[in-house]
N, C-alpha and C. Protein backbone atom coordinates (compact mmCIF):
# COMPACT_ATOMS: atom_id res chain seq x y z
N UNK A 1 239.40 173.07 154.72
CA UNK A 1 239.11 173.45 156.09
C UNK A 1 237.76 174.16 156.08
N UNK A 2 236.78 173.65 156.79
CA UNK A 2 235.42 174.20 156.71
C UNK A 2 235.30 175.66 157.11
N UNK A 3 236.17 176.16 157.97
CA UNK A 3 236.07 177.55 158.43
C UNK A 3 236.66 178.55 157.43
N UNK A 4 237.27 178.06 156.38
CA UNK A 4 237.94 178.95 155.43
C UNK A 4 237.08 179.18 154.20
N UNK A 5 237.20 180.39 153.69
CA UNK A 5 236.58 180.79 152.44
C UNK A 5 237.71 181.10 151.47
N UNK A 6 237.50 180.82 150.22
CA UNK A 6 238.53 181.06 149.20
C UNK A 6 237.99 182.05 148.19
N UNK A 7 238.79 183.09 147.92
CA UNK A 7 238.44 184.07 146.89
C UNK A 7 239.44 183.96 145.75
N UNK A 8 239.00 183.55 144.57
CA UNK A 8 239.90 183.49 143.41
C UNK A 8 240.35 184.91 143.02
N UNK A 9 241.63 185.05 142.75
CA UNK A 9 242.22 186.35 142.41
C UNK A 9 242.57 186.42 140.92
N UNK A 10 243.17 185.34 140.41
CA UNK A 10 243.66 185.36 139.03
C UNK A 10 243.76 183.93 138.51
N UNK A 11 243.85 183.81 137.20
CA UNK A 11 244.08 182.53 136.54
C UNK A 11 245.37 182.66 135.74
N UNK A 12 246.30 181.75 135.99
CA UNK A 12 247.57 181.75 135.28
C UNK A 12 247.62 180.58 134.32
N UNK A 13 248.24 180.78 133.18
CA UNK A 13 248.52 179.69 132.25
C UNK A 13 249.86 179.08 132.59
N UNK A 14 250.01 177.80 132.27
CA UNK A 14 251.30 177.12 132.43
C UNK A 14 251.94 176.97 131.06
N UNK A 15 253.26 177.06 131.03
CA UNK A 15 254.03 177.02 129.80
C UNK A 15 255.19 176.04 129.97
N UNK A 16 255.60 175.42 128.88
CA UNK A 16 256.79 174.60 128.89
C UNK A 16 258.01 175.51 128.89
N UNK A 17 258.98 175.18 129.73
CA UNK A 17 260.27 175.87 129.70
C UNK A 17 261.32 174.80 129.46
N UNK A 18 262.12 174.99 128.41
CA UNK A 18 263.13 174.02 128.01
C UNK A 18 264.46 174.73 127.81
N UNK A 19 265.57 174.00 127.94
CA UNK A 19 266.86 174.62 127.63
C UNK A 19 266.85 175.15 126.19
N UNK A 20 267.52 176.24 125.97
CA UNK A 20 267.59 176.88 124.65
C UNK A 20 267.94 175.84 123.58
N UNK A 21 267.10 175.76 122.54
CA UNK A 21 267.36 174.89 121.41
C UNK A 21 266.83 173.47 121.53
N UNK A 22 266.28 173.08 122.67
CA UNK A 22 265.76 171.71 122.82
C UNK A 22 264.47 171.51 122.05
N UNK A 23 263.68 172.54 121.89
CA UNK A 23 262.37 172.41 121.25
C UNK A 23 262.36 173.25 119.98
N UNK A 24 261.95 172.66 118.89
CA UNK A 24 261.91 173.36 117.61
C UNK A 24 260.45 173.55 117.20
N UNK A 25 259.68 174.21 118.07
CA UNK A 25 258.26 174.41 117.80
C UNK A 25 257.76 175.61 118.59
N UNK A 26 256.69 176.22 118.11
CA UNK A 26 256.05 177.31 118.83
C UNK A 26 255.05 176.79 119.84
N UNK A 27 254.65 175.52 119.65
CA UNK A 27 253.64 174.91 120.51
C UNK A 27 253.95 173.42 120.61
N UNK A 28 253.67 172.84 121.78
CA UNK A 28 253.95 171.42 121.99
C UNK A 28 252.84 170.81 122.85
N UNK A 29 252.53 169.56 122.59
CA UNK A 29 251.58 168.82 123.42
C UNK A 29 252.34 168.25 124.61
N UNK A 30 251.71 168.23 125.74
CA UNK A 30 252.35 167.72 126.95
C UNK A 30 252.82 166.28 126.73
N UNK A 31 252.03 165.46 126.05
CA UNK A 31 252.41 164.07 125.79
C UNK A 31 253.67 163.92 124.99
N UNK A 32 254.03 164.94 124.20
CA UNK A 32 255.26 164.89 123.41
C UNK A 32 256.51 165.05 124.26
N UNK A 33 256.34 165.31 125.54
CA UNK A 33 257.48 165.54 126.43
C UNK A 33 257.79 164.31 127.28
N UNK A 34 257.15 163.20 126.98
CA UNK A 34 257.29 161.99 127.80
C UNK A 34 258.73 161.50 127.90
N UNK A 35 259.52 161.67 126.86
CA UNK A 35 260.89 161.15 126.85
C UNK A 35 261.90 162.15 127.41
N UNK A 36 261.45 163.34 127.77
CA UNK A 36 262.37 164.38 128.26
C UNK A 36 262.65 164.19 129.75
N UNK A 37 263.85 164.59 130.20
CA UNK A 37 264.10 164.65 131.64
C UNK A 37 263.37 165.87 132.22
N UNK A 38 262.87 165.75 133.43
CA UNK A 38 262.07 166.80 134.03
C UNK A 38 262.71 167.36 135.29
N UNK A 39 262.40 168.64 135.54
CA UNK A 39 262.71 169.32 136.80
C UNK A 39 261.36 169.73 137.36
N UNK A 40 261.01 169.21 138.54
CA UNK A 40 259.69 169.49 139.11
C UNK A 40 259.77 169.74 140.61
N UNK A 41 258.72 170.38 141.09
CA UNK A 41 258.56 170.55 142.54
C UNK A 41 258.21 169.20 143.15
N UNK A 42 258.43 169.07 144.44
CA UNK A 42 258.15 167.84 145.17
C UNK A 42 256.68 167.45 145.01
N UNK A 43 256.36 166.16 144.98
CA UNK A 43 254.97 165.74 144.79
C UNK A 43 254.03 166.14 145.93
N UNK A 44 254.57 166.52 147.08
CA UNK A 44 253.69 166.98 148.17
C UNK A 44 253.27 168.43 148.00
N UNK A 45 253.92 169.16 147.08
CA UNK A 45 253.51 170.55 146.83
C UNK A 45 252.32 170.55 145.88
N UNK A 46 251.51 171.58 145.95
CA UNK A 46 250.36 171.68 145.05
C UNK A 46 250.81 171.69 143.59
N UNK A 47 251.85 172.46 143.31
CA UNK A 47 252.32 172.59 141.93
C UNK A 47 252.90 171.26 141.43
N UNK A 48 253.75 170.64 142.23
CA UNK A 48 254.34 169.36 141.84
C UNK A 48 253.30 168.28 141.62
N UNK A 49 252.31 168.24 142.48
CA UNK A 49 251.22 167.26 142.34
C UNK A 49 250.40 167.55 141.08
N UNK A 50 250.12 168.82 140.83
CA UNK A 50 249.30 169.20 139.67
C UNK A 50 250.01 168.85 138.36
N UNK A 51 251.31 169.11 138.27
CA UNK A 51 252.04 168.81 137.03
C UNK A 51 252.12 167.30 136.81
N UNK A 52 252.38 166.55 137.87
CA UNK A 52 252.41 165.09 137.74
C UNK A 52 251.06 164.55 137.27
N UNK A 53 249.99 165.08 137.82
CA UNK A 53 248.64 164.65 137.42
C UNK A 53 248.39 164.99 135.94
N UNK A 54 248.78 166.19 135.51
CA UNK A 54 248.61 166.58 134.10
C UNK A 54 249.40 165.65 133.18
N UNK A 55 250.62 165.28 133.59
CA UNK A 55 251.43 164.36 132.78
C UNK A 55 250.75 163.00 132.70
N UNK A 56 250.25 162.50 133.82
CA UNK A 56 249.56 161.20 133.82
C UNK A 56 248.34 161.24 132.90
N UNK A 57 247.59 162.34 132.96
CA UNK A 57 246.42 162.47 132.09
C UNK A 57 246.82 162.53 130.62
N UNK A 58 248.06 162.99 130.36
CA UNK A 58 248.57 163.03 128.99
C UNK A 58 249.18 161.69 128.59
N UNK A 59 249.18 160.71 129.51
CA UNK A 59 249.61 159.37 129.17
C UNK A 59 251.02 158.98 129.55
N UNK A 60 251.66 159.73 130.44
CA UNK A 60 253.03 159.36 130.82
C UNK A 60 253.34 159.78 132.25
N UNK A 61 254.34 159.13 132.80
CA UNK A 61 254.89 159.48 134.11
C UNK A 61 256.17 160.26 133.84
N UNK A 62 256.29 161.50 134.32
CA UNK A 62 257.50 162.27 134.00
C UNK A 62 258.76 161.65 134.60
N UNK A 63 259.84 161.68 133.84
CA UNK A 63 261.15 161.20 134.28
C UNK A 63 261.81 162.34 135.05
N UNK A 64 261.57 162.39 136.34
CA UNK A 64 262.03 163.52 137.16
C UNK A 64 263.49 163.29 137.56
N UNK A 65 264.35 164.16 137.08
CA UNK A 65 265.78 164.07 137.38
C UNK A 65 266.18 164.98 138.53
N UNK A 66 265.41 166.07 138.71
CA UNK A 66 265.73 167.03 139.77
C UNK A 66 264.43 167.57 140.36
N UNK A 67 264.42 167.75 141.68
CA UNK A 67 263.28 168.38 142.35
C UNK A 67 263.72 169.74 142.85
N UNK A 68 262.86 170.73 142.66
CA UNK A 68 263.15 172.10 143.10
C UNK A 68 261.88 172.68 143.71
N UNK A 69 262.00 173.25 144.88
CA UNK A 69 260.84 173.78 145.58
C UNK A 69 260.31 175.09 145.04
N UNK A 70 261.14 175.86 144.39
CA UNK A 70 260.72 177.17 143.87
C UNK A 70 260.85 177.16 142.36
N UNK A 71 259.95 177.87 141.70
CA UNK A 71 260.02 177.93 140.23
C UNK A 71 261.33 178.56 139.77
N UNK A 72 261.84 179.55 140.49
CA UNK A 72 263.08 180.19 140.04
C UNK A 72 264.24 179.19 140.06
N UNK A 73 264.27 178.29 141.04
CA UNK A 73 265.31 177.27 141.10
C UNK A 73 265.12 176.27 139.95
N UNK A 74 263.88 175.85 139.72
CA UNK A 74 263.61 174.93 138.60
C UNK A 74 264.04 175.55 137.28
N UNK A 75 263.77 176.83 137.11
CA UNK A 75 264.13 177.51 135.86
C UNK A 75 265.65 177.60 135.71
N UNK A 76 266.36 177.79 136.79
CA UNK A 76 267.83 177.82 136.74
C UNK A 76 268.38 176.45 136.34
N UNK A 77 267.78 175.38 136.86
CA UNK A 77 268.20 174.03 136.48
C UNK A 77 267.91 173.75 135.01
N UNK A 78 266.79 174.25 134.52
CA UNK A 78 266.46 174.11 133.10
C UNK A 78 267.49 174.90 132.27
N UNK A 79 267.80 176.11 132.69
CA UNK A 79 268.79 176.93 131.97
C UNK A 79 270.15 176.24 131.91
N UNK A 80 270.45 175.43 132.92
CA UNK A 80 271.71 174.69 132.94
C UNK A 80 271.66 173.43 132.07
N UNK A 81 270.51 173.18 131.42
CA UNK A 81 270.39 172.06 130.51
C UNK A 81 270.03 170.74 131.17
N UNK A 82 269.45 170.80 132.37
CA UNK A 82 269.20 169.58 133.13
C UNK A 82 267.81 168.99 132.96
N UNK A 83 266.94 169.61 132.16
CA UNK A 83 265.61 169.08 131.94
C UNK A 83 264.64 170.16 131.56
N UNK A 84 263.38 169.75 131.43
CA UNK A 84 262.30 170.69 131.12
C UNK A 84 261.42 170.84 132.36
N UNK A 85 260.60 171.88 132.37
CA UNK A 85 259.65 172.08 133.46
C UNK A 85 258.46 172.86 132.92
N UNK A 86 257.47 172.99 133.75
CA UNK A 86 256.36 173.89 133.45
C UNK A 86 256.47 175.07 134.38
N UNK A 87 256.12 176.24 133.89
CA UNK A 87 256.15 177.45 134.70
C UNK A 87 254.88 178.25 134.45
N UNK A 88 254.45 178.93 135.49
CA UNK A 88 253.25 179.77 135.40
C UNK A 88 253.60 181.12 134.80
N UNK A 89 252.57 181.88 134.47
CA UNK A 89 252.80 183.24 133.95
C UNK A 89 253.70 184.03 134.90
N UNK A 90 253.39 183.99 136.20
CA UNK A 90 254.20 184.73 137.17
C UNK A 90 255.61 184.16 137.27
N UNK A 91 255.73 182.85 137.18
CA UNK A 91 257.05 182.22 137.26
C UNK A 91 257.96 182.58 136.10
N UNK A 92 257.37 182.92 134.96
CA UNK A 92 258.18 183.27 133.80
C UNK A 92 258.96 184.56 133.99
N UNK A 93 258.62 185.33 134.99
CA UNK A 93 259.33 186.60 135.22
C UNK A 93 260.79 186.37 135.58
N UNK A 94 261.16 185.15 135.96
CA UNK A 94 262.55 184.88 136.34
C UNK A 94 263.30 184.06 135.29
N UNK A 95 262.76 183.95 134.07
CA UNK A 95 263.46 183.19 133.04
C UNK A 95 264.65 183.99 132.52
N UNK A 96 265.58 183.26 131.92
CA UNK A 96 266.77 183.88 131.35
C UNK A 96 266.82 183.59 129.85
N UNK A 97 267.81 184.13 129.19
CA UNK A 97 267.98 183.92 127.75
C UNK A 97 268.40 182.48 127.44
N UNK A 98 268.76 181.70 128.46
CA UNK A 98 269.23 180.33 128.25
C UNK A 98 268.09 179.33 128.12
N UNK A 99 266.84 179.80 128.08
CA UNK A 99 265.70 178.88 127.98
C UNK A 99 264.77 179.33 126.86
N UNK A 100 263.97 178.38 126.41
CA UNK A 100 262.89 178.66 125.47
C UNK A 100 261.57 178.44 126.21
N UNK A 101 260.65 179.35 126.02
CA UNK A 101 259.30 179.21 126.58
C UNK A 101 258.40 178.83 125.42
N UNK A 102 257.71 177.69 125.57
CA UNK A 102 256.90 177.15 124.49
C UNK A 102 255.46 176.99 124.97
N UNK A 103 254.52 177.43 124.18
CA UNK A 103 253.10 177.31 124.51
C UNK A 103 252.69 175.84 124.48
N UNK A 104 251.86 175.44 125.42
CA UNK A 104 251.32 174.08 125.45
C UNK A 104 250.02 174.03 124.65
N UNK A 105 249.87 173.03 123.79
CA UNK A 105 248.61 172.89 123.06
C UNK A 105 247.49 172.40 123.99
N UNK A 106 247.86 171.65 125.03
CA UNK A 106 246.88 171.28 126.06
C UNK A 106 246.88 172.44 127.05
N UNK A 107 245.86 173.23 127.05
CA UNK A 107 245.83 174.42 127.91
C UNK A 107 245.76 173.98 129.37
N UNK A 108 246.77 174.38 130.13
CA UNK A 108 246.83 174.10 131.56
C UNK A 108 246.82 175.42 132.30
N UNK A 109 245.97 175.54 133.29
CA UNK A 109 245.89 176.76 134.08
C UNK A 109 245.88 176.43 135.56
N UNK A 110 246.15 177.43 136.36
CA UNK A 110 245.97 177.30 137.80
C UNK A 110 245.35 178.59 138.31
N UNK A 111 244.54 178.45 139.35
CA UNK A 111 243.86 179.59 139.93
C UNK A 111 244.61 180.04 141.18
N UNK A 112 244.91 181.34 141.23
CA UNK A 112 245.54 181.93 142.41
C UNK A 112 244.42 182.46 143.29
N UNK A 113 244.40 182.00 144.54
CA UNK A 113 243.32 182.37 145.46
C UNK A 113 243.87 182.84 146.79
N UNK A 114 243.04 183.55 147.52
CA UNK A 114 243.35 183.93 148.91
C UNK A 114 242.33 183.21 149.78
N UNK A 115 242.83 182.51 150.79
CA UNK A 115 241.95 181.81 151.73
C UNK A 115 241.96 182.56 153.05
N UNK A 116 240.80 182.70 153.65
CA UNK A 116 240.68 183.40 154.93
C UNK A 116 239.50 182.83 155.70
N UNK A 117 239.49 183.15 156.99
CA UNK A 117 238.39 182.65 157.83
C UNK A 117 237.10 183.35 157.45
N UNK A 118 236.05 182.58 157.32
CA UNK A 118 234.73 183.10 156.93
C UNK A 118 234.29 184.21 157.87
N UNK A 119 234.58 184.07 159.15
CA UNK A 119 234.13 185.07 160.12
C UNK A 119 234.79 186.44 159.90
N UNK A 120 235.90 186.48 159.15
CA UNK A 120 236.60 187.74 158.90
C UNK A 120 236.23 188.37 157.56
N UNK A 121 235.31 187.77 156.84
CA UNK A 121 235.01 188.19 155.47
C UNK A 121 234.60 189.65 155.34
N UNK A 122 233.96 190.20 156.35
CA UNK A 122 233.49 191.58 156.25
C UNK A 122 234.45 192.60 156.85
N UNK A 123 235.58 192.16 157.32
CA UNK A 123 236.55 193.09 157.91
C UNK A 123 237.20 193.93 156.81
N UNK A 124 237.22 195.23 157.03
CA UNK A 124 237.75 196.14 156.00
C UNK A 124 239.21 195.88 155.66
N UNK A 125 240.09 195.61 156.64
CA UNK A 125 241.49 195.35 156.25
C UNK A 125 241.63 194.12 155.35
N UNK A 126 240.85 193.10 155.62
CA UNK A 126 240.90 191.91 154.78
C UNK A 126 240.40 192.23 153.37
N UNK A 127 239.31 192.96 153.26
CA UNK A 127 238.79 193.33 151.95
C UNK A 127 239.79 194.19 151.19
N UNK A 128 240.47 195.09 151.90
CA UNK A 128 241.49 195.93 151.26
C UNK A 128 242.64 195.06 150.73
N UNK A 129 243.01 194.05 151.51
CA UNK A 129 244.07 193.12 151.11
C UNK A 129 243.66 192.35 149.85
N UNK A 130 242.46 191.79 149.85
CA UNK A 130 241.97 191.04 148.69
C UNK A 130 241.88 191.96 147.47
N UNK A 131 241.35 193.17 147.66
CA UNK A 131 241.23 194.12 146.54
C UNK A 131 242.60 194.49 145.98
N UNK A 132 243.59 194.69 146.87
CA UNK A 132 244.95 195.06 146.43
C UNK A 132 245.58 193.94 145.61
N UNK A 133 245.41 192.70 146.05
CA UNK A 133 245.96 191.58 145.31
C UNK A 133 245.25 191.39 143.97
N UNK A 134 243.96 191.60 143.96
CA UNK A 134 243.21 191.49 142.70
C UNK A 134 243.68 192.56 141.72
N UNK A 135 243.83 193.78 142.20
CA UNK A 135 244.32 194.88 141.35
C UNK A 135 245.73 194.60 140.84
N UNK A 136 246.59 194.06 141.70
CA UNK A 136 247.95 193.74 141.29
C UNK A 136 247.96 192.66 140.20
N UNK A 137 247.10 191.66 140.36
CA UNK A 137 247.03 190.59 139.36
C UNK A 137 246.60 191.14 138.00
N UNK A 138 245.61 192.02 138.01
CA UNK A 138 245.17 192.65 136.77
C UNK A 138 246.29 193.49 136.18
N UNK A 139 247.01 194.21 137.04
CA UNK A 139 248.14 195.03 136.59
C UNK A 139 249.24 194.21 135.97
N UNK A 140 249.39 192.95 136.40
CA UNK A 140 250.41 192.05 135.84
C UNK A 140 249.91 191.37 134.56
N UNK A 141 248.67 191.65 134.19
CA UNK A 141 248.13 191.08 132.95
C UNK A 141 247.55 189.68 133.10
N UNK A 142 247.32 189.24 134.34
CA UNK A 142 246.75 187.92 134.54
C UNK A 142 245.24 187.96 134.28
N UNK A 143 244.72 186.84 133.83
CA UNK A 143 243.27 186.72 133.62
C UNK A 143 242.58 186.67 134.96
N UNK A 144 241.36 187.18 135.01
CA UNK A 144 240.58 187.10 136.22
C UNK A 144 239.60 185.94 136.10
N UNK A 145 239.28 185.31 137.24
CA UNK A 145 238.37 184.15 137.19
C UNK A 145 236.96 184.54 136.80
């Protein structure tokens, strides 16, 4: 949208989340997951589209068995043994002991941004909002852009 400006707040890494015991490695390549059943967000969501694109770039189309709109729901389905998924740093806060979190050798990240109307860029309340979110992201240990 031409009237909007985007301010990057943080950069999150994506991680593989698998049912406990499915993966016997500290690190895995995305392409090694081609034969696994997947739990993903709908392809119309930014996250669902991004993960599907990353899988295609790794040489496979994910075998999606379940769609979940929220990462916490996807993680619950993974904990129930229904497939693997990718989760962001923030999404990992809702994992349980029933899953393994495995580092991806293909580094995948996403940028968390705030979009606002350009004409409001100098408004103090908006700047306070952006500053508060930036400070919170740093406090959570996320990388800054």
